[in-house]
Amino acid sequence: MARILHNDEWFEEISSRGHYETEYEKVLAQEAQRLFTHFHLIPFKTPVVSELDADTRIPDFALVHKNYKSWWIVEVELGHHSLEGHVLPQVRTLSRAKYGQTEADYLCGRLPALNRAKVMEMFKGSPPRVLLVVNVPVLGWAEQLRAFDAMVVICQIFRSQYNRYVLRLNGEYPSEDETVLTTCECSAMIHRLLALHAPTQLPLQPDERVLLYHEGQASEWERIDTAGEVYLHALRDHNLAPGRRYEIVRQSDETLLIRLSDSKKQK
């Protein structure tokens, strides 16, 4: 198990089965203002129904942007839960549900400080995406949930013998200021090469290195220029699929993500 040394105090990683989901949700709610700076985290324990097959599910929270730019449905999961048996069905229904007056009234009832008129106007815009928050890294979840336009953030809890805790975050985060810098493609011939389609948009000089985050894991890449193309070369192995098109995204905190750009929204 991983450990963190902070201010001369050791913090031990809590395993996926080391706490109940309700306890995990409580920690997220307590730290919401630091975890999701630009959003209100609001309990959203109300049934929603899929427009496709009438399946009914209950989410955990909603994230509402403080300037009402967008909102998200938040599903909290533990990493030992079944992806096929539980997580995928839950996210599938939440991503296909109809959200309207009833749900807007529910949010305003849970957080009276919300501007009801602006919430209703926000609901008339794009439907909410699903954010899945999981307590440990789980390989493959982010790729499969991408089919429903869902985003995965990993929030691990480390606890000391004095019952203090620290949080370790990775993955993707809701952002209103992300910018797609370039699309790229993983070489089918040389696995560690990533061909850049718009290299001028990635602020990187030849031989300069950069960290790219994929499914919550960081990998280090180095720019290589040839006579006709510009590549990123992985300094170690990675889990990108050969021949697939990806996009490199800069988030508001300057973090660079790499994610599939050709996934289809199944709604």
C-alpha atoms as a PDB file:
ATOM      1  CA  MET A   1       0.000   0.000   0.000  1.00  0.00           C
ATOM      2  CA  ALA A   2       1.148   3.547  -0.732  1.00  0.00           C
ATOM      3  CA  ARG A   3       2.119   5.977   2.044  1.00  0.00           C
ATOM      4  CA  ILE A   4       2.505   9.765   2.172  1.00  0.00           C
ATOM      5  CA  LEU A   5       4.903  11.595   4.464  1.00  0.00           C
ATOM      6  CA  HIS A   6       3.572  15.059   5.297  1.00  0.00           C
ATOM      7  CA  ASN A   7       4.925  17.333   8.058  1.00  0.00           C
ATOM      8  CA  ASP A   8       6.770  14.394   9.669  1.00  0.00           C
ATOM      9  CA  GLU A   9       3.548  12.396   9.839  1.00  0.00           C
ATOM     10  CA  TRP A  10       2.890   9.214   7.866  1.00  0.00           C
ATOM     11  CA  PHE A  11      -0.445   8.827   6.116  1.00  0.00           C
ATOM     12  CA  GLU A  12      -1.495   5.319   5.060  1.00  0.00           C
ATOM     13  CA  GLU A  13      -3.564   4.653   1.951  1.00  0.00           C
ATOM     14  CA  ILE A  14      -7.074   3.426   2.708  1.00  0.00           C
ATOM     15  CA  SER A  15      -7.983   0.473   0.520  1.00  0.00           C
ATOM     16  CA  SER A  16     -11.107   0.494  -1.620  1.00  0.00           C
ATOM     17  CA  ARG A  17     -12.871  -1.705   0.932  1.00  0.00           C
ATOM     18  CA  GLY A  18     -11.538   0.307   3.867  1.00  0.00           C
ATOM     19  CA  HIS A  19     -14.548   2.580   4.204  1.00  0.00           C
ATOM     20  CA  TYR A  20     -18.224   2.720   3.335  1.00  0.00           C
ATOM     21  CA  GLU A  21     -19.495   4.722   0.374  1.00  0.00           C
ATOM     22  CA  THR A  22     -21.458   7.022   2.711  1.00  0.00           C
ATOM     23  CA  GLU A  23     -18.248   7.804   4.627  1.00  0.00           C
ATOM     24  CA  TYR A  24     -16.450   8.552   1.373  1.00  0.00           C
ATOM     25  CA  GLU A  25     -19.283  10.828   0.251  1.00  0.00           C
ATOM     26  CA  LYS A  26     -19.071  12.689   3.557  1.00  0.00           C
ATOM     27  CA  VAL A  27     -15.371  13.457   3.035  1.00  0.00           C
ATOM     28  CA  LEU A  28     -16.058  14.698  -0.505  1.00  0.00           C
ATOM     29  CA  ALA A  29     -18.837  16.961   0.757  1.00  0.00           C
ATOM     30  CA  GLN A  30     -16.593  18.373   3.500  1.00  0.00           C
ATOM     31  CA  GLU A  31     -13.803  19.160   1.033  1.00  0.00           C
ATOM     32  CA  ALA A  32     -16.017  20.235  -1.868  1.00  0.00           C
ATOM     33  CA  GLN A  33     -14.949  23.881  -1.888  1.00  0.00           C
ATOM     34  CA  ARG A  34     -11.324  22.873  -2.353  1.00  0.00           C
ATOM     35  CA  LEU A  35     -11.966  19.953  -4.695  1.00  0.00           C
ATOM     36  CA  PHE A  36     -14.378  21.809  -7.004  1.00  0.00           C
ATOM     37  CA  THR A  37     -13.493  25.459  -6.582  1.00  0.00           C
ATOM     38  CA  HIS A  38     -15.786  26.864  -9.282  1.00  0.00           C
ATOM     39  CA  PHE A  39     -18.823  24.718  -8.470  1.00  0.00           C
ATOM     40  CA  HIS A  40     -21.433  24.129  -5.790  1.00  0.00           C
ATOM     41  CA  LEU A  41     -21.568  20.450  -4.749  1.00  0.00           C
ATOM     42  CA  ILE A  42     -25.195  19.682  -3.924  1.00  0.00           C
ATOM     43  CA  PRO A  43     -26.711  16.383  -2.693  1.00  0.00           C
ATOM     44  CA  PHE A  44     -28.862  15.037  -5.533  1.00  0.00           C
ATOM     45  CA  LYS A  45     -30.452  11.885  -4.115  1.00  0.00           C
ATOM     46  CA  THR A  46     -33.489  11.885  -6.347  1.00  0.00           C
ATOM     47  CA  PRO A  47     -34.568   9.261  -8.925  1.00  0.00           C
ATOM     48  CA  VAL A  48     -33.942  10.061 -12.589  1.00  0.00           C
ATOM     49  CA  VAL A  49     -35.267   8.061 -15.524  1.00  0.00           C
ATOM     50  CA  SER A  50     -33.519   7.101 -18.766  1.00  0.00           C
ATOM     51  CA  GLU A  51     -35.307   8.395 -21.854  1.00  0.00           C
ATOM     52  CA  LEU A  52     -34.143   5.335 -23.773  1.00  0.00           C
ATOM     53  CA  ASP A  53     -35.344   2.389 -21.663  1.00  0.00           C
ATOM     54  CA  ALA A  54     -37.108   3.931 -18.622  1.00  0.00           C
ATOM     55  CA  ASP A  55     -34.439   2.564 -16.248  1.00  0.00           C
ATOM     56  CA  THR A  56     -34.410   4.521 -12.979  1.00  0.00           C
ATOM     57  CA  ARG A  57     -31.295   5.362 -10.966  1.00  0.00           C
ATOM     58  CA  ILE A  58     -30.387   7.703  -8.099  1.00  0.00           C
ATOM     59  CA  PRO A  59     -27.192   9.802  -8.405  1.00  0.00           C
ATOM     60  CA  ASP A  60     -25.212  11.139  -5.461  1.00  0.00           C
ATOM     61  CA  PHE A  61     -24.494  14.817  -6.075  1.00  0.00           C
ATOM     62  CA  ALA A  62     -24.815  17.573  -8.630  1.00  0.00           C
ATOM     63  CA  LEU A  63     -22.140  20.146  -9.446  1.00  0.00           C
ATOM     64  CA  VAL A  64     -23.543  23.545 -10.418  1.00  0.00           C
ATOM     65  CA  HIS A  65     -21.132  26.136 -11.752  1.00  0.00           C
ATOM     66  CA  LYS A  66     -21.153  29.244  -9.572  1.00  0.00           C
ATOM     67  CA  ASN A  67     -21.792  31.370 -12.675  1.00  0.00           C
ATOM     68  CA  TYR A  68     -24.374  28.870 -14.000  1.00  0.00           C
ATOM     69  CA  LYS A  69     -22.253  28.016 -17.046  1.00  0.00           C
ATOM     70  CA  SER A  70     -22.932  24.293 -16.728  1.00  0.00           C
ATOM     71  CA  TRP A  71     -23.796  21.518 -14.345  1.00  0.00           C
ATOM     72  CA  TRP A  72     -22.760  17.904 -13.777  1.00  0.00           C
ATOM     73  CA  ILE A  73     -24.284  14.745 -12.333  1.00  0.00           C
ATOM     74  CA  VAL A  74     -21.876  13.195  -9.809  1.00  0.00           C
ATOM     75  CA  GLU A  75     -21.724   9.467  -9.167  1.00  0.00           C
ATOM     76  CA  VAL A  76     -19.530   8.326  -6.267  1.00  0.00           C
ATOM     77  CA  GLU A  77     -18.101   4.815  -6.478  1.00  0.00           C
ATOM     78  CA  LEU A  78     -15.688   2.513  -4.688  1.00  0.00           C
ATOM     79  CA  GLY A  79     -13.049   0.871  -6.844  1.00  0.00           C
ATOM     80  CA  HIS A  80     -14.008  -2.701  -5.938  1.00  0.00           C
ATOM     81  CA  HIS A  81     -17.534  -2.297  -7.319  1.00  0.00           C
ATOM     82  CA  SER A  82     -18.346  -4.187 -10.514  1.00  0.00           C
ATOM     83  CA  LEU A  83     -17.878  -2.111 -13.662  1.00  0.00           C
ATOM     84  CA  GLU A  84     -20.215  -4.222 -15.810  1.00  0.00           C
ATOM     85  CA  GLY A  85     -22.732  -5.050 -13.088  1.00  0.00           C
ATOM     86  CA  HIS A  86     -23.060  -1.685 -11.386  1.00  0.00           C
ATOM     87  CA  VAL A  87     -20.968   1.248 -12.590  1.00  0.00           C
ATOM     88  CA  LEU A  88     -21.758   1.113 -16.317  1.00  0.00           C
ATOM     89  CA  PRO A  89     -25.547   0.663 -15.848  1.00  0.00           C
ATOM     90  CA  GLN A  90     -25.587   3.556 -13.369  1.00  0.00           C
ATOM     91  CA  VAL A  91     -23.630   5.934 -15.602  1.00  0.00           C
ATOM     92  CA  ARG A  92     -25.569   4.851 -18.707  1.00  0.00           C
ATOM     93  CA  THR A  93     -28.892   5.820 -17.147  1.00  0.00           C
ATOM     94  CA  LEU A  94     -27.629   9.054 -15.577  1.00  0.00           C
ATOM     95  CA  SER A  95     -26.217  10.160 -18.936  1.00  0.00           C
ATOM     96  CA  ARG A  96     -29.489   9.413 -20.771  1.00  0.00           C
ATOM     97  CA  ALA A  97     -31.931  10.802 -18.206  1.00  0.00           C
ATOM     98  CA  LYS A  98     -34.258  13.731 -18.748  1.00  0.00           C
ATOM     99  CA  TYR A  99     -33.612  16.679 -16.442  1.00  0.00           C
ATOM    100  CA  GLY A 100     -36.223  19.409 -16.142  1.00  0.00           C
ATOM    101  CA  GLN A 101     -38.407  21.433 -13.779  1.00  0.00           C
ATOM    102  CA  THR A 102     -38.627  18.731 -11.098  1.00  0.00           C
ATOM    103  CA  GLU A 103     -34.878  18.311 -10.878  1.00  0.00           C
ATOM    104  CA  ALA A 104     -34.280  22.085 -10.943  1.00  0.00           C
ATOM    105  CA  ASP A 105     -36.710  22.533  -8.062  1.00  0.00           C
ATOM    106  CA  TYR A 106     -34.937  19.775  -6.156  1.00  0.00           C
ATOM    107  CA  LEU A 107     -31.531  21.490  -6.513  1.00  0.00           C
ATOM    108  CA  CYS A 108     -32.895  24.869  -5.468  1.00  0.00           C
ATOM    109  CA  GLY A 109     -34.575  23.238  -2.487  1.00  0.00           C
ATOM    110  CA  ARG A 110     -31.295  21.714  -1.331  1.00  0.00           C
ATOM    111  CA  LEU A 111     -29.361  24.959  -1.841  1.00  0.00           C
ATOM    112  CA  PRO A 112     -31.684  27.971  -1.458  1.00  0.00           C
ATOM    113  CA  ALA A 113     -28.825  30.346  -2.326  1.00  0.00           C
ATOM    114  CA  LEU A 114     -29.128  29.259  -5.976  1.00  0.00           C
ATOM    115  CA  ASN A 115     -30.767  31.717  -8.372  1.00  0.00           C
ATOM    116  CA  ARG A 116     -33.843  29.780  -9.498  1.00  0.00           C
ATOM    117  CA  ALA A 117     -34.254  31.719 -12.758  1.00  0.00           C
ATOM    118  CA  LYS A 118     -30.621  31.118 -13.714  1.00  0.00           C
ATOM    119  CA  VAL A 119     -30.865  27.438 -12.798  1.00  0.00           C
ATOM    120  CA  MET A 120     -33.872  27.067 -15.101  1.00  0.00           C
ATOM    121  CA  GLU A 121     -32.043  28.887 -17.892  1.00  0.00           C
ATOM    122  CA  MET A 122     -29.024  26.619 -17.348  1.00  0.00           C
ATOM    123  CA  PHE A 123     -31.287  23.564 -17.673  1.00  0.00           C
ATOM    124  CA  LYS A 124     -32.373  24.778 -21.109  1.00  0.00           C
ATOM    125  CA  GLY A 125     -28.803  24.504 -22.361  1.00  0.00           C
ATOM    126  CA  SER A 126     -26.696  21.414 -22.903  1.00  0.00           C
ATOM    127  CA  PRO A 127     -27.604  18.405 -20.745  1.00  0.00           C
ATOM    128  CA  PRO A 128     -25.319  17.625 -17.814  1.00  0.00           C
ATOM    129  CA  ARG A 129     -22.363  15.296 -18.186  1.00  0.00           C
ATOM    130  CA  VAL A 130     -21.628  12.607 -15.622  1.00  0.00           C
ATOM    131  CA  LEU A 131     -18.612  12.895 -13.330  1.00  0.00           C
ATOM    132  CA  LEU A 132     -17.612   9.652 -11.643  1.00  0.00           C
ATOM    133  CA  VAL A 133     -15.535  10.049  -8.487  1.00  0.00           C
ATOM    134  CA  VAL A 134     -13.764   6.847  -7.421  1.00  0.00           C
ATOM    135  CA  ASN A 135     -11.612   6.198  -4.361  1.00  0.00           C
ATOM    136  CA  VAL A 136      -8.786   4.252  -6.051  1.00  0.00           C
ATOM    137  CA  PRO A 137      -7.356   4.118  -9.587  1.00  0.00           C
ATOM    138  CA  VAL A 138      -9.096   1.432 -11.647  1.00  0.00           C
ATOM    139  CA  LEU A 139      -7.555   0.603 -15.005  1.00  0.00           C
ATOM    140  CA  GLY A 140      -9.928   0.830 -17.945  1.00  0.00           C
ATOM    141  CA  TRP A 141     -12.861   2.592 -16.311  1.00  0.00           C
ATOM    142  CA  ALA A 142     -12.239   5.979 -17.929  1.00  0.00           C
ATOM    143  CA  GLU A 143     -12.015   4.493 -21.442  1.00  0.00           C
ATOM    144  CA  GLN A 144     -15.260   2.533 -21.135  1.00  0.00           C
ATOM    145  CA  LEU A 145     -17.168   5.388 -19.530  1.00  0.00           C
ATOM    146  CA  ARG A 146     -16.027   7.736 -22.294  1.00  0.00           C
ATOM    147  CA  ALA A 147     -18.722   6.112 -24.454  1.00  0.00           C
ATOM    148  CA  PHE A 148     -21.267   7.996 -22.316  1.00  0.00           C
ATOM    149  CA  ASP A 149     -19.237  11.222 -22.303  1.00  0.00           C
ATOM    150  CA  ALA A 150     -18.503  10.625 -18.616  1.00  0.00           C
ATOM    151  CA  MET A 151     -15.396  11.890 -16.857  1.00  0.00           C
ATOM    152  CA  VAL A 152     -13.481  10.071 -14.103  1.00  0.00           C
ATOM    153  CA  VAL A 153     -11.603  11.666 -11.224  1.00  0.00           C
ATOM    154  CA  ILE A 154      -9.727   9.597  -8.644  1.00  0.00           C
ATOM    155  CA  CYS A 155      -9.768  10.922  -5.091  1.00  0.00           C
ATOM    156  CA  GLN A 156      -7.758   8.720  -2.736  1.00  0.00           C
ATOM    157  CA  ILE A 157      -7.849   9.128   1.030  1.00  0.00           C
ATOM    158  CA  PHE A 158      -4.739   8.644   3.182  1.00  0.00           C
ATOM    159  CA  ARG A 159      -5.179   8.585   6.965  1.00  0.00           C
ATOM    160  CA  SER A 160      -2.652   8.977   9.799  1.00  0.00           C
ATOM    161  CA  GLN A 161      -2.591   7.258  13.180  1.00  0.00           C
ATOM    162  CA  TYR A 162      -4.019  10.497  14.615  1.00  0.00           C
ATOM    163  CA  ASN A 163      -7.079  10.155  12.353  1.00  0.00           C
ATOM    164  CA  ARG A 164      -6.050  13.069  10.165  1.00  0.00           C
ATOM    165  CA  TYR A 165      -6.251  12.612   6.422  1.00  0.00           C
ATOM    166  CA  VAL A 166      -4.847  13.917   3.167  1.00  0.00           C
ATOM    167  CA  LEU A 167      -6.341  13.558  -0.295  1.00  0.00           C
ATOM    168  CA  ARG A 168      -4.568  12.578  -3.505  1.00  0.00           C
ATOM    169  CA  LEU A 169      -6.295  13.640  -6.722  1.00  0.00           C
ATOM    170  CA  ASN A 170      -5.740  12.608 -10.305  1.00  0.00           C
ATOM    171  CA  GLY A 171      -7.766  12.077 -13.433  1.00  0.00           C
ATOM    172  CA  GLU A 172      -9.891  14.661 -15.215  1.00  0.00           C
ATOM    173  CA  TYR A 173     -11.734  17.558 -13.628  1.00  0.00           C
ATOM    174  CA  PRO A 174     -14.741  19.643 -14.673  1.00  0.00           C
ATOM    175  CA  SER A 175     -13.378  22.735 -16.364  1.00  0.00           C
ATOM    176  CA  GLU A 176     -14.989  25.549 -18.317  1.00  0.00           C
ATOM    177  CA  ASP A 177     -11.678  26.782 -19.653  1.00  0.00           C
ATOM    178  CA  GLU A 178     -10.170  23.725 -21.331  1.00  0.00           C
ATOM    179  CA  THR A 179      -8.638  24.114 -24.781  1.00  0.00           C
ATOM    180  CA  VAL A 180      -8.001  21.395 -27.336  1.00  0.00           C
ATOM    181  CA  LEU A 181      -4.455  22.111 -28.521  1.00  0.00           C
ATOM    182  CA  THR A 182      -4.047  19.421 -31.160  1.00  0.00           C
ATOM    183  CA  THR A 183      -5.224  16.033 -32.258  1.00  0.00           C
ATOM    184  CA  CYS A 184      -2.653  13.290 -32.581  1.00  0.00           C
ATOM    185  CA  GLU A 185      -2.305   9.628 -33.456  1.00  0.00           C
ATOM    186  CA  CYS A 186      -0.387   6.817 -31.826  1.00  0.00           C
ATOM    187  CA  SER A 187       1.860   5.149 -34.380  1.00  0.00           C
ATOM    188  CA  ALA A 188       0.904   1.585 -35.289  1.00  0.00           C
ATOM    189  CA  MET A 189       4.509   0.854 -36.304  1.00  0.00           C
ATOM    190  CA  ILE A 190       6.442   2.426 -33.413  1.00  0.00           C
ATOM    191  CA  HIS A 191       4.299   2.335 -30.276  1.00  0.00           C
ATOM    192  CA  ARG A 192       6.122   5.082 -28.416  1.00  0.00           C
ATOM    193  CA  LEU A 193       5.645   7.704 -31.144  1.00  0.00           C
ATOM    194  CA  LEU A 194       2.690  10.062 -31.169  1.00  0.00           C
ATOM    195  CA  ALA A 195       2.252  12.060 -34.395  1.00  0.00           C
ATOM    196  CA  LEU A 196       1.053  15.642 -33.778  1.00  0.00           C
ATOM    197  CA  HIS A 197      -1.463  17.044 -36.281  1.00  0.00           C
ATOM    198  CA  ALA A 198      -1.090  20.703 -35.203  1.00  0.00           C
ATOM    199  CA  PRO A 199       2.355  20.956 -33.563  1.00  0.00           C
ATOM    200  CA  THR A 200       2.383  24.759 -33.523  1.00  0.00           C
ATOM    201  CA  GLN A 201      -0.464  24.742 -30.999  1.00  0.00           C
ATOM    202  CA  LEU A 202       1.493  22.726 -28.440  1.00  0.00           C
ATOM    203  CA  PRO A 203       3.973  25.106 -26.733  1.00  0.00           C
ATOM    204  CA  LEU A 204       6.901  22.729 -26.843  1.00  0.00           C
ATOM    205  CA  GLN A 205      10.361  23.100 -28.359  1.00  0.00           C
ATOM    206  CA  PRO A 206      12.348  20.280 -30.002  1.00  0.00           C
ATOM    207  CA  ASP A 207      13.784  17.896 -27.381  1.00  0.00           C
ATOM    208  CA  GLU A 208      11.669  19.531 -24.665  1.00  0.00           C
ATOM    209  CA  ARG A 209       9.697  17.221 -22.375  1.00  0.00           C
ATOM    210  CA  VAL A 210       6.101  17.359 -21.191  1.00  0.00           C
ATOM    211  CA  LEU A 211       3.768  15.395 -18.898  1.00  0.00           C
ATOM    212  CA  LEU A 212       0.504  14.109 -20.364  1.00  0.00           C
ATOM    213  CA  TYR A 213      -2.244  12.673 -18.161  1.00  0.00           C
ATOM    214  CA  HIS A 214      -4.304   9.752 -19.427  1.00  0.00           C
ATOM    215  CA  GLU A 215      -6.861   7.965 -17.225  1.00  0.00           C
ATOM    216  CA  GLY A 216      -5.326   9.646 -14.196  1.00  0.00           C
ATOM    217  CA  GLN A 217      -1.788   8.463 -14.913  1.00  0.00           C
ATOM    218  CA  ALA A 218       1.046  10.760 -15.968  1.00  0.00           C
ATOM    219  CA  SER A 219       3.495   9.826 -18.712  1.00  0.00           C
ATOM    220  CA  GLU A 220       6.532  11.801 -19.874  1.00  0.00           C
ATOM    221  CA  TRP A 221       7.013  12.620 -23.566  1.00  0.00           C
ATOM    222  CA  GLU A 222       9.735  14.344 -25.570  1.00  0.00           C
ATOM    223  CA  ARG A 223       9.240  16.317 -28.789  1.00  0.00           C
ATOM    224  CA  ILE A 224      11.070  14.959 -31.843  1.00  0.00           C
ATOM    225  CA  ASP A 225      11.180  16.813 -35.179  1.00  0.00           C
ATOM    226  CA  THR A 226      11.846  15.033 -38.453  1.00  0.00           C
ATOM    227  CA  ALA A 227      12.048  16.498 -41.970  1.00  0.00           C
ATOM    228  CA  GLY A 228       8.311  16.092 -42.510  1.00  0.00           C
ATOM    229  CA  GLU A 229       6.582  15.511 -39.160  1.00  0.00           C
ATOM    230  CA  VAL A 230       6.594  16.321 -35.461  1.00  0.00           C
ATOM    231  CA  TYR A 231       6.245  13.560 -32.882  1.00  0.00           C
ATOM    232  CA  LEU A 232       6.068  13.103 -29.165  1.00  0.00           C
ATOM    233  CA  HIS A 233       8.222  10.200 -28.016  1.00  0.00           C
ATOM    234  CA  ALA A 234       7.215   8.358 -24.831  1.00  0.00           C
ATOM    235  CA  LEU A 235      10.158   7.982 -22.490  1.00  0.00           C
ATOM    236  CA  ARG A 236       8.477   4.911 -20.966  1.00  0.00           C
ATOM    237  CA  ASP A 237       5.661   2.601 -21.984  1.00  0.00           C
ATOM    238  CA  HIS A 238       2.064   3.860 -22.125  1.00  0.00           C
ATOM    239  CA  ASN A 239      -1.454   2.496 -22.624  1.00  0.00           C
ATOM    240  CA  LEU A 240      -2.555   4.481 -25.693  1.00  0.00           C
ATOM    241  CA  ALA A 241      -4.035   2.361 -28.459  1.00  0.00           C
ATOM    242  CA  PRO A 242      -2.150   2.212 -31.791  1.00  0.00           C
ATOM    243  CA  GLY A 243      -3.960   3.790 -34.733  1.00  0.00           C
ATOM    244  CA  ARG A 244      -6.485   5.671 -32.580  1.00  0.00           C
ATOM    245  CA  ARG A 245      -6.963   9.429 -32.782  1.00  0.00           C
ATOM    246  CA  TYR A 246      -6.476  11.362 -29.536  1.00  0.00           C
ATOM    247  CA  GLU A 247      -6.613  15.014 -28.540  1.00  0.00           C
ATOM    248  CA  ILE A 248      -4.306  16.910 -26.216  1.00  0.00           C
ATOM    249  CA  VAL A 249      -6.250  19.256 -23.952  1.00  0.00           C
ATOM    250  CA  ARG A 250      -5.002  22.072 -21.740  1.00  0.00           C
ATOM    251  CA  GLN A 251      -7.125  22.603 -18.643  1.00  0.00           C
ATOM    252  CA  SER A 252      -7.518  25.792 -16.639  1.00  0.00           C
ATOM    253  CA  ASP A 253      -4.754  24.724 -14.236  1.00  0.00           C
ATOM    254  CA  GLU A 254      -2.390  24.214 -17.230  1.00  0.00           C
ATOM    255  CA  THR A 255      -2.512  20.416 -16.853  1.00  0.00           C
ATOM    256  CA  LEU A 256      -2.297  18.620 -20.200  1.00  0.00           C
ATOM    257  CA  LEU A 257      -4.654  15.702 -20.770  1.00  0.00           C
ATOM    258  CA  ILE A 258      -4.650  13.238 -23.637  1.00  0.00           C
ATOM    259  CA  ARG A 259      -7.954  11.543 -24.429  1.00  0.00           C
ATOM    260  CA  LEU A 260      -9.741   9.804 -27.275  1.00  0.00           C
ATOM    261  CA  SER A 261     -11.256  12.280 -29.725  1.00  0.00           C
ATOM    262  CA  ASP A 262     -13.352   9.884 -31.777  1.00  0.00           C
ATOM    263  CA  SER A 263     -15.596   8.389 -29.093  1.00  0.00           C
ATOM    264  CA  LYS A 264     -19.314   8.496 -29.760  1.00  0.00           C
ATOM    265  CA  LYS A 265     -21.875   9.714 -27.282  1.00  0.00           C
ATOM    266  CA  GLN A 266     -24.404   6.930 -26.785  1.00  0.00           C
ATOM    267  CA  LYS A 267     -27.457   8.843 -25.765  1.00  0.00           C
END
